[in-house]
C-alpha atoms as a PDB file:
ATOM      1  CA  MET A   1     -67.947 -17.871 -10.336  1.00  0.00           C
ATOM      2  CA  THR A   2     -70.857 -17.404  -8.258  1.00  0.00           C
ATOM      3  CA  ALA A   3     -73.887 -19.048  -8.701  1.00  0.00           C
ATOM      4  CA  SER A   4     -77.713 -18.197  -8.207  1.00  0.00           C
ATOM      5  CA  ASN A   5     -80.287 -20.930  -6.481  1.00  0.00           C
ATOM      6  CA  ASP A   6     -81.668 -20.948 -10.131  1.00  0.00           C
ATOM      7  CA  ASP A   7     -78.192 -21.810 -11.433  1.00  0.00           C
ATOM      8  CA  MET A   8     -77.675 -24.606  -9.192  1.00  0.00           C
ATOM      9  CA  LEU A   9     -81.034 -26.119  -9.495  1.00  0.00           C
ATOM     10  CA  ARG A  10     -79.586 -27.530 -13.096  1.00  0.00           C
ATOM     11  CA  TYR A  11     -77.236 -29.374 -11.125  1.00  0.00           C
ATOM     12  CA  GLN A  12     -79.110 -31.005  -8.401  1.00  0.00           C
ATOM     13  CA  ARG A  13     -78.984 -34.538  -9.663  1.00  0.00           C
ATOM     14  CA  GLN A  14     -75.362 -34.222 -10.062  1.00  0.00           C
ATOM     15  CA  MET A  15     -74.860 -32.944  -6.664  1.00  0.00           C
ATOM     16  CA  ALA A  16     -77.150 -35.577  -5.524  1.00  0.00           C
ATOM     17  CA  PHE A  17     -74.424 -38.019  -6.443  1.00  0.00           C
ATOM     18  CA  GLY A  18     -72.490 -38.086  -3.126  1.00  0.00           C
ATOM     19  CA  GLU A  19     -68.884 -38.312  -4.779  1.00  0.00           C
ATOM     20  CA  ILE A  20     -69.445 -34.779  -6.189  1.00  0.00           C
ATOM     21  CA  GLY A  21     -71.839 -33.213  -3.803  1.00  0.00           C
ATOM     22  CA  LEU A  22     -71.785 -29.578  -3.603  1.00  0.00           C
ATOM     23  CA  THR A  23     -68.320 -29.231  -2.822  1.00  0.00           C
ATOM     24  CA  GLY A  24     -67.617 -30.756  -6.168  1.00  0.00           C
ATOM     25  CA  GLN A  25     -69.983 -28.887  -8.081  1.00  0.00           C
ATOM     26  CA  ARG A  26     -68.394 -25.532  -6.931  1.00  0.00           C
ATOM     27  CA  ALA A  27     -65.195 -26.832  -7.723  1.00  0.00           C
ATOM     28  CA  LEU A  28     -66.335 -27.624 -11.372  1.00  0.00           C
ATOM     29  CA  GLN A  29     -67.821 -24.359 -11.453  1.00  0.00           C
ATOM     30  CA  ALA A  30     -64.436 -22.744 -10.672  1.00  0.00           C
ATOM     31  CA  ALA A  31     -62.559 -24.665 -13.064  1.00  0.00           C
ATOM     32  CA  SER A  32     -61.727 -24.468 -16.581  1.00  0.00           C
ATOM     33  CA  ALA A  33     -60.567 -26.773 -19.316  1.00  0.00           C
ATOM     34  CA  LEU A  34     -58.834 -26.608 -22.849  1.00  0.00           C
ATOM     35  CA  ILE A  35     -60.523 -28.749 -25.367  1.00  0.00           C
ATOM     36  CA  ALA A  36     -58.040 -29.329 -28.238  1.00  0.00           C
ATOM     37  CA  GLY A  37     -60.021 -30.204 -31.256  1.00  0.00           C
ATOM     38  CA  VAL A  38     -63.886 -30.051 -31.398  1.00  0.00           C
ATOM     39  CA  GLY A  39     -64.403 -32.570 -34.057  1.00  0.00           C
ATOM     40  CA  GLY A  40     -65.651 -36.213 -32.900  1.00  0.00           C
ATOM     41  CA  LEU A  41     -64.620 -36.483 -29.481  1.00  0.00           C
ATOM     42  CA  GLY A  42     -63.901 -32.872 -28.650  1.00  0.00           C
ATOM     43  CA  SER A  43     -67.390 -31.778 -29.301  1.00  0.00           C
ATOM     44  CA  TRP A  44     -69.287 -34.215 -27.206  1.00  0.00           C
ATOM     45  CA  ALA A  45     -66.642 -33.440 -24.380  1.00  0.00           C
ATOM     46  CA  ALA A  46     -67.309 -29.885 -24.835  1.00  0.00           C
ATOM     47  CA  GLU A  47     -71.129 -30.504 -24.454  1.00  0.00           C
ATOM     48  CA  LEU A  48     -70.866 -32.878 -21.481  1.00  0.00           C
ATOM     49  CA  LEU A  49     -68.423 -30.585 -19.864  1.00  0.00           C
ATOM     50  CA  ALA A  50     -70.999 -27.436 -20.187  1.00  0.00           C
ATOM     51  CA  ARG A  51     -73.729 -29.669 -19.066  1.00  0.00           C
ATOM     52  CA  SER A  52     -71.589 -30.515 -15.988  1.00  0.00           C
ATOM     53  CA  GLY A  53     -71.029 -26.973 -14.940  1.00  0.00           C
ATOM     54  CA  VAL A  54     -67.359 -26.369 -15.505  1.00  0.00           C
ATOM     55  CA  GLY A  55     -67.046 -22.706 -15.533  1.00  0.00           C
ATOM     56  CA  ARG A  56     -64.688 -21.887 -18.516  1.00  0.00           C
ATOM     57  CA  LEU A  57     -63.921 -23.860 -21.737  1.00  0.00           C
ATOM     58  CA  VAL A  58     -61.351 -23.130 -24.048  1.00  0.00           C
ATOM     59  CA  ILE A  59     -62.112 -24.703 -27.639  1.00  0.00           C
ATOM     60  CA  ALA A  60     -59.586 -24.532 -30.481  1.00  0.00           C
ATOM     61  CA  ASP A  61     -60.115 -26.057 -33.991  1.00  0.00           C
ATOM     62  CA  ASP A  62     -59.162 -24.928 -37.685  1.00  0.00           C
ATOM     63  CA  ASP A  63     -61.830 -27.000 -39.187  1.00  0.00           C
ATOM     64  CA  LYS A  64     -65.178 -26.071 -40.603  1.00  0.00           C
ATOM     65  CA  VAL A  65     -68.296 -28.296 -40.134  1.00  0.00           C
ATOM     66  CA  ASP A  66     -68.651 -30.760 -43.199  1.00  0.00           C
ATOM     67  CA  LEU A  67     -72.003 -32.824 -43.954  1.00  0.00           C
ATOM     68  CA  THR A  68     -69.272 -36.003 -43.319  1.00  0.00           C
ATOM     69  CA  ASN A  69     -69.058 -34.950 -39.696  1.00  0.00           C
ATOM     70  CA  ILE A  70     -72.723 -35.154 -38.697  1.00  0.00           C
ATOM     71  CA  HIS A  71     -72.796 -38.729 -37.915  1.00  0.00           C
ATOM     72  CA  ARG A  72     -70.170 -38.662 -35.193  1.00  0.00           C
ATOM     73  CA  GLN A  73     -69.765 -35.009 -34.051  1.00  0.00           C
ATOM     74  CA  GLY A  74     -72.101 -33.357 -31.317  1.00  0.00           C
ATOM     75  CA  LEU A  75     -72.830 -29.535 -31.385  1.00  0.00           C
ATOM     76  CA  TYR A  76     -73.545 -29.664 -35.149  1.00  0.00           C
ATOM     77  CA  ASP A  77     -76.287 -29.724 -37.797  1.00  0.00           C
ATOM     78  CA  GLN A  78     -76.930 -29.741 -41.427  1.00  0.00           C
ATOM     79  CA  THR A  79     -77.291 -25.997 -41.433  1.00  0.00           C
ATOM     80  CA  ASP A  80     -73.728 -25.513 -39.906  1.00  0.00           C
ATOM     81  CA  ALA A  81     -72.363 -27.964 -42.577  1.00  0.00           C
ATOM     82  CA  ALA A  82     -74.218 -26.060 -45.592  1.00  0.00           C
ATOM     83  CA  GLU A  83     -72.732 -23.004 -44.378  1.00  0.00           C
ATOM     84  CA  GLY A  84     -69.346 -24.516 -43.695  1.00  0.00           C
ATOM     85  CA  LYS A  85     -69.205 -22.693 -40.370  1.00  0.00           C
ATOM     86  CA  PRO A  86     -66.060 -22.833 -38.349  1.00  0.00           C
ATOM     87  CA  LYS A  87     -66.562 -25.571 -35.750  1.00  0.00           C
ATOM     88  CA  VAL A  88     -65.315 -23.335 -32.984  1.00  0.00           C
ATOM     89  CA  HIS A  89     -68.252 -20.719 -33.680  1.00  0.00           C
ATOM     90  CA  ALA A  90     -70.756 -23.469 -34.228  1.00  0.00           C
ATOM     91  CA  ALA A  91     -69.820 -25.022 -30.968  1.00  0.00           C
ATOM     92  CA  ALA A  92     -69.907 -21.799 -29.045  1.00  0.00           C
ATOM     93  CA  GLU A  93     -73.175 -21.076 -30.233  1.00  0.00           C
ATOM     94  CA  ARG A  94     -74.611 -24.290 -29.204  1.00  0.00           C
ATOM     95  CA  LEU A  95     -73.076 -24.448 -25.803  1.00  0.00           C
ATOM     96  CA  ALA A  96     -74.121 -20.837 -24.986  1.00  0.00           C
ATOM     97  CA  GLU A  97     -77.859 -22.310 -25.539  1.00  0.00           C
ATOM     98  CA  ILE A  98     -77.150 -25.269 -23.451  1.00  0.00           C
ATOM     99  CA  ASN A  99     -75.467 -23.353 -20.335  1.00  0.00           C
ATOM    100  CA  SER A 100     -75.177 -19.832 -20.570  1.00  0.00           C
ATOM    101  CA  ALA A 101     -73.397 -19.682 -17.532  1.00  0.00           C
ATOM    102  CA  VAL A 102     -70.272 -21.430 -18.890  1.00  0.00           C
ATOM    103  CA  ILE A 103     -67.610 -19.143 -20.497  1.00  0.00           C
ATOM    104  CA  VAL A 104     -66.463 -20.414 -23.844  1.00  0.00           C
ATOM    105  CA  GLU A 105     -63.517 -18.923 -25.628  1.00  0.00           C
ATOM    106  CA  PRO A 106     -63.258 -20.098 -29.272  1.00  0.00           C
ATOM    107  CA  HIS A 107     -59.859 -19.872 -31.030  1.00  0.00           C
ATOM    108  CA  GLN A 108     -60.090 -21.056 -34.872  1.00  0.00           C
ATOM    109  CA  LEU A 109     -56.651 -22.610 -35.002  1.00  0.00           C
ATOM    110  CA  ARG A 110     -54.862 -26.014 -34.565  1.00  0.00           C
ATOM    111  CA  VAL A 111     -53.237 -26.876 -31.256  1.00  0.00           C
ATOM    112  CA  ASP A 112     -49.415 -26.720 -31.877  1.00  0.00           C
ATOM    113  CA  ALA A 113     -46.309 -26.246 -30.045  1.00  0.00           C
ATOM    114  CA  GLY A 114     -46.382 -22.640 -30.819  1.00  0.00           C
ATOM    115  CA  ASN A 115     -49.692 -22.039 -29.360  1.00  0.00           C
ATOM    116  CA  ILE A 116     -50.543 -24.402 -26.597  1.00  0.00           C
ATOM    117  CA  ALA A 117     -48.781 -22.272 -23.904  1.00  0.00           C
ATOM    118  CA  SER A 118     -51.166 -19.471 -24.799  1.00  0.00           C
ATOM    119  CA  LEU A 119     -54.312 -21.666 -25.110  1.00  0.00           C
ATOM    120  CA  ALA A 120     -53.727 -23.967 -21.834  1.00  0.00           C
ATOM    121  CA  GLY A 121     -51.620 -21.164 -19.535  1.00  0.00           C
ATOM    122  CA  ARG A 122     -55.006 -20.538 -17.380  1.00  0.00           C
ATOM    123  CA  THR A 123     -56.621 -24.067 -17.643  1.00  0.00           C
ATOM    124  CA  ASP A 124     -56.819 -26.847 -15.319  1.00  0.00           C
ATOM    125  CA  LEU A 125     -56.838 -29.530 -17.726  1.00  0.00           C
ATOM    126  CA  ILE A 126     -56.586 -30.647 -21.275  1.00  0.00           C
ATOM    127  CA  ILE A 127     -58.936 -32.944 -23.173  1.00  0.00           C
ATOM    128  CA  ASP A 128     -57.541 -34.632 -26.313  1.00  0.00           C
ATOM    129  CA  GLY A 129     -59.841 -34.099 -29.195  1.00  0.00           C
ATOM    130  CA  THR A 130     -56.987 -34.013 -31.697  1.00  0.00           C
ATOM    131  CA  ASP A 131     -56.726 -36.619 -34.748  1.00  0.00           C
ATOM    132  CA  ASN A 132     -53.145 -37.128 -34.795  1.00  0.00           C
ATOM    133  CA  PHE A 133     -50.390 -38.616 -32.287  1.00  0.00           C
ATOM    134  CA  LEU A 134     -47.984 -35.804 -33.012  1.00  0.00           C
ATOM    135  CA  ALA A 135     -50.305 -33.353 -31.568  1.00  0.00           C
ATOM    136  CA  ARG A 136     -50.863 -35.816 -28.545  1.00  0.00           C
ATOM    137  CA  PHE A 137     -46.886 -35.974 -27.672  1.00  0.00           C
ATOM    138  CA  ILE A 138     -46.789 -32.214 -28.023  1.00  0.00           C
ATOM    139  CA  ILE A 139     -49.709 -32.170 -25.489  1.00  0.00           C
ATOM    140  CA  ASN A 140     -48.151 -34.881 -23.199  1.00  0.00           C
ATOM    141  CA  ASP A 141     -44.789 -32.705 -22.880  1.00  0.00           C
ATOM    142  CA  TYR A 142     -46.874 -29.528 -22.143  1.00  0.00           C
ATOM    143  CA  SER A 143     -48.682 -31.621 -19.593  1.00  0.00           C
ATOM    144  CA  VAL A 144     -45.682 -33.112 -17.691  1.00  0.00           C
ATOM    145  CA  LYS A 145     -43.654 -30.077 -18.229  1.00  0.00           C
ATOM    146  CA  TYR A 146     -46.341 -27.714 -16.409  1.00  0.00           C
ATOM    147  CA  SER A 147     -47.923 -30.346 -14.145  1.00  0.00           C
ATOM    148  CA  LEU A 148     -51.186 -29.803 -16.145  1.00  0.00           C
ATOM    149  CA  PRO A 149     -53.524 -33.168 -16.335  1.00  0.00           C
ATOM    150  CA  TRP A 150     -54.875 -34.266 -19.709  1.00  0.00           C
ATOM    151  CA  ILE A 151     -57.178 -37.020 -21.006  1.00  0.00           C
ATOM    152  CA  PHE A 152     -55.756 -38.905 -23.755  1.00  0.00           C
ATOM    153  CA  ALA A 153     -58.421 -40.637 -26.249  1.00  0.00           C
ATOM    154  CA  GLY A 154     -58.690 -41.664 -29.723  1.00  0.00           C
ATOM    155  CA  VAL A 155     -61.006 -43.902 -31.880  1.00  0.00           C
ATOM    156  CA  VAL A 156     -60.696 -45.426 -35.326  1.00  0.00           C
ATOM    157  CA  ALA A 157     -63.000 -47.654 -37.129  1.00  0.00           C
ATOM    158  CA  SER A 158     -64.763 -49.565 -33.991  1.00  0.00           C
ATOM    159  CA  GLU A 159     -61.574 -49.131 -32.001  1.00  0.00           C
ATOM    160  CA  ALA A 160     -61.258 -46.812 -29.466  1.00  0.00           C
ATOM    161  CA  GLN A 161     -58.422 -46.065 -26.529  1.00  0.00           C
ATOM    162  CA  LEU A 162     -58.512 -43.755 -23.309  1.00  0.00           C
ATOM    163  CA  MET A 163     -55.956 -42.650 -20.707  1.00  0.00           C
ATOM    164  CA  PRO A 164     -55.837 -39.972 -18.093  1.00  0.00           C
ATOM    165  CA  VAL A 165     -52.500 -38.567 -17.348  1.00  0.00           C
ATOM    166  CA  ILE A 166     -51.823 -36.608 -13.941  1.00  0.00           C
ATOM    167  CA  PRO A 167     -48.066 -35.759 -13.989  1.00  0.00           C
ATOM    168  CA  SER A 168     -45.911 -37.212 -11.141  1.00  0.00           C
ATOM    169  CA  LYS A 169     -48.944 -39.563 -10.098  1.00  0.00           C
ATOM    170  CA  THR A 170     -49.659 -41.803 -13.649  1.00  0.00           C
ATOM    171  CA  ALA A 171     -47.618 -42.736 -16.722  1.00  0.00           C
ATOM    172  CA  CYS A 172     -47.511 -40.185 -19.547  1.00  0.00           C
ATOM    173  CA  LEU A 173     -48.171 -40.971 -22.830  1.00  0.00           C
ATOM    174  CA  ARG A 174     -44.533 -41.576 -23.567  1.00  0.00           C
ATOM    175  CA  CYS A 175     -44.106 -43.978 -20.771  1.00  0.00           C
ATOM    176  CA  VAL A 176     -46.511 -46.093 -23.071  1.00  0.00           C
ATOM    177  CA  PHE A 177     -45.714 -45.129 -26.662  1.00  0.00           C
ATOM    178  CA  ASP A 178     -42.317 -44.441 -27.623  1.00  0.00           C
ATOM    179  CA  ALA A 179     -43.064 -42.134 -30.578  1.00  0.00           C
ATOM    180  CA  PRO A 180     -45.758 -41.346 -33.004  1.00  0.00           C
ATOM    181  CA  PRO A 181     -46.223 -43.388 -35.653  1.00  0.00           C
ATOM    182  CA  PRO A 182     -44.287 -42.272 -39.039  1.00  0.00           C
ATOM    183  CA  PRO A 183     -46.220 -40.070 -41.492  1.00  0.00           C
ATOM    184  CA  CYS A 184     -48.876 -41.919 -43.301  1.00  0.00           C
ATOM    185  CA  THR A 185     -48.793 -45.181 -41.347  1.00  0.00           C
ATOM    186  CA  ASP A 186     -51.465 -44.322 -38.738  1.00  0.00           C
ATOM    187  CA  PRO A 187     -54.658 -45.285 -40.065  1.00  0.00           C
ATOM    188  CA  THR A 188     -57.240 -42.309 -40.263  1.00  0.00           C
ATOM    189  CA  CYS A 189     -60.912 -42.234 -39.942  1.00  0.00           C
ATOM    190  CA  ARG A 190     -61.081 -40.915 -43.703  1.00  0.00           C
ATOM    191  CA  GLU A 191     -59.106 -43.959 -44.839  1.00  0.00           C
ATOM    192  CA  ILE A 192     -60.993 -46.836 -42.899  1.00  0.00           C
ATOM    193  CA  GLY A 193     -64.234 -45.110 -41.303  1.00  0.00           C
ATOM    194  CA  VAL A 194     -65.123 -44.670 -37.698  1.00  0.00           C
ATOM    195  CA  LEU A 195     -68.393 -45.856 -35.915  1.00  0.00           C
ATOM    196  CA  GLY A 196     -70.326 -42.990 -34.599  1.00  0.00           C
ATOM    197  CA  PRO A 197     -71.495 -44.595 -30.936  1.00  0.00           C
ATOM    198  CA  ALA A 198     -68.133 -45.420 -30.469  1.00  0.00           C
ATOM    199  CA  VAL A 199     -66.925 -42.054 -30.794  1.00  0.00           C
ATOM    200  CA  ALA A 200     -69.833 -40.520 -28.424  1.00  0.00           C
ATOM    201  CA  THR A 201     -69.080 -43.346 -25.839  1.00  0.00           C
ATOM    202  CA  ILE A 202     -65.507 -42.935 -25.327  1.00  0.00           C
ATOM    203  CA  ALA A 203     -65.856 -39.246 -25.287  1.00  0.00           C
ATOM    204  CA  ALA A 204     -68.318 -39.692 -22.454  1.00  0.00           C
ATOM    205  CA  MET A 205     -65.834 -41.797 -20.627  1.00  0.00           C
ATOM    206  CA  GLN A 206     -62.982 -39.395 -21.423  1.00  0.00           C
ATOM    207  CA  THR A 207     -65.281 -36.564 -20.007  1.00  0.00           C
ATOM    208  CA  ALA A 208     -66.085 -38.412 -16.761  1.00  0.00           C
ATOM    209  CA  GLU A 209     -62.419 -38.872 -15.864  1.00  0.00           C
ATOM    210  CA  ALA A 210     -62.173 -35.311 -16.543  1.00  0.00           C
ATOM    211  CA  VAL A 211     -64.890 -34.643 -14.047  1.00  0.00           C
ATOM    212  CA  LYS A 212     -63.351 -36.289 -11.351  1.00  0.00           C
ATOM    213  CA  ILE A 213     -60.067 -34.391 -11.889  1.00  0.00           C
ATOM    214  CA  LEU A 214     -62.021 -30.948 -11.718  1.00  0.00           C
ATOM    215  CA  ALA A 215     -64.375 -31.949  -8.941  1.00  0.00           C
ATOM    216  CA  GLY A 216     -61.091 -32.653  -6.883  1.00  0.00           C
ATOM    217  CA  ARG A 217     -61.528 -36.405  -6.853  1.00  0.00           C
ATOM    218  CA  SER A 218     -58.211 -37.493  -8.855  1.00  0.00           C
ATOM    219  CA  ASP A 219     -58.276 -40.400  -6.488  1.00  0.00           C
ATOM    220  CA  ALA A 220     -61.143 -41.909  -8.475  1.00  0.00           C
ATOM    221  CA  VAL A 221     -59.419 -41.667 -11.943  1.00  0.00           C
ATOM    222  CA  SER A 222     -58.637 -44.889 -13.711  1.00  0.00           C
ATOM    223  CA  PRO A 223     -54.772 -45.780 -13.755  1.00  0.00           C
ATOM    224  CA  PHE A 224     -55.331 -47.808 -17.101  1.00  0.00           C
ATOM    225  CA  LEU A 225     -55.022 -47.757 -20.530  1.00  0.00           C
ATOM    226  CA  THR A 226     -58.257 -48.623 -21.748  1.00  0.00           C
ATOM    227  CA  LYS A 227     -59.029 -50.119 -25.033  1.00  0.00           C
ATOM    228  CA  ILE A 228     -62.725 -51.225 -26.375  1.00  0.00           C
ATOM    229  CA  ASP A 229     -63.693 -52.670 -29.573  1.00  0.00           C
ATOM    230  CA  PHE A 230     -67.511 -51.561 -29.802  1.00  0.00           C
ATOM    231  CA  TRP A 231     -68.038 -54.020 -32.743  1.00  0.00           C
ATOM    232  CA  THR A 232     -66.576 -57.036 -31.148  1.00  0.00           C
ATOM    233  CA  ASN A 233     -67.458 -56.034 -27.590  1.00  0.00           C
ATOM    234  CA  GLN A 234     -63.882 -56.785 -26.521  1.00  0.00           C
ATOM    235  CA  ILE A 235     -62.321 -54.781 -23.560  1.00  0.00           C
ATOM    236  CA  GLN A 236     -58.944 -54.306 -22.330  1.00  0.00           C
ATOM    237  CA  ARG A 237     -57.617 -52.632 -19.049  1.00  0.00           C
ATOM    238  CA  LEU A 238     -53.818 -52.482 -19.682  1.00  0.00           C
ATOM    239  CA  ALA A 239     -51.416 -51.681 -16.707  1.00  0.00           C
ATOM    240  CA  ALA A 240     -50.226 -48.345 -17.359  1.00  0.00           C
ATOM    241  CA  ASP A 241     -47.135 -48.061 -15.290  1.00  0.00           C
ATOM    242  CA  ARG A 242     -44.537 -45.145 -15.363  1.00  0.00           C
ATOM    243  CA  SER A 243     -41.347 -46.035 -16.960  1.00  0.00           C
ATOM    244  CA  PRO A 244     -38.091 -45.558 -15.213  1.00  0.00           C
ATOM    245  CA  ASP A 245     -36.606 -44.808 -18.704  1.00  0.00           C
ATOM    246  CA  CYS A 246     -39.175 -42.480 -20.044  1.00  0.00           C
ATOM    247  CA  PRO A 247     -37.385 -39.519 -21.671  1.00  0.00           C
ATOM    248  CA  CYS A 248     -40.458 -37.152 -20.904  1.00  0.00           C
ATOM    249  CA  CYS A 249     -41.699 -37.645 -17.382  1.00  0.00           C
ATOM    250  CA  ARG A 250     -38.601 -39.145 -15.810  1.00  0.00           C
ATOM    251  CA  GLY A 251     -35.961 -37.540 -18.304  1.00  0.00           C
ATOM    252  CA  GLY A 252     -37.231 -34.008 -18.299  1.00  0.00           C
ATOM    253  CA  HIS A 253     -36.948 -34.308 -22.299  1.00  0.00           C
ATOM    254  CA  PHE A 254     -39.665 -32.178 -23.921  1.00  0.00           C
ATOM    255  CA  ASP A 255     -38.763 -32.975 -27.485  1.00  0.00           C
ATOM    256  CA  TYR A 256     -41.957 -32.388 -29.357  1.00  0.00           C
ATOM    257  CA  LEU A 257     -42.990 -29.174 -27.142  1.00  0.00           C
ATOM    258  CA  ASP A 258     -39.477 -27.790 -27.951  1.00  0.00           C
ATOM    259  CA  ALA A 259     -39.194 -28.956 -31.726  1.00  0.00           C
END
């Protein structure tokens, strides 16, 4: 992607940050990302990546906007909810208004083992905007198998967690979690609620890690599993080391992708 002087003007303050500069900004404009789910996390991440100037965003979600989404999901408004507009279409329209130079490819479907290759095949990174661990294990398998970085994140109630995954360099999801929780045992936002600002904040942290990678600054990526309770103000940074016994990144078994 080439950019005019006017296009670059919007990134002036971002380029003034020496860790990004002109080189990093051009890298962002040449980069692409898959955002798997544009609900709570993914909607904020999509907006922040578009504002950062990431050149191409592939967004995938099979859901429609509902009034209960509005308190924690960026990009959408009451009109979208009243019309029951598909999230990917509402998101694509809003992203075009924010930054028309960014190419947005909407796909009204849920990311799964059967379609992830077609969605992520020409991207540089995956943002986790899913709402279940099975989808995250599929993303992790694909990430490790094809050496594609991804940023894991999740929020329920006031508790959030975040971990970047750079294959062969950092722990993968299966180094930290043996398997997805059994069906119906993992608490959901529908059941126990979610604090809106917690979603927006962890999405911003998630996007910051993505920007580092896409700008060519993977050296600055956090090596930790970060856990934050936004109600009690407790913050934990847990060492996330590569497990020598990991069946995925050590053993080369991609059980969830191949299932």
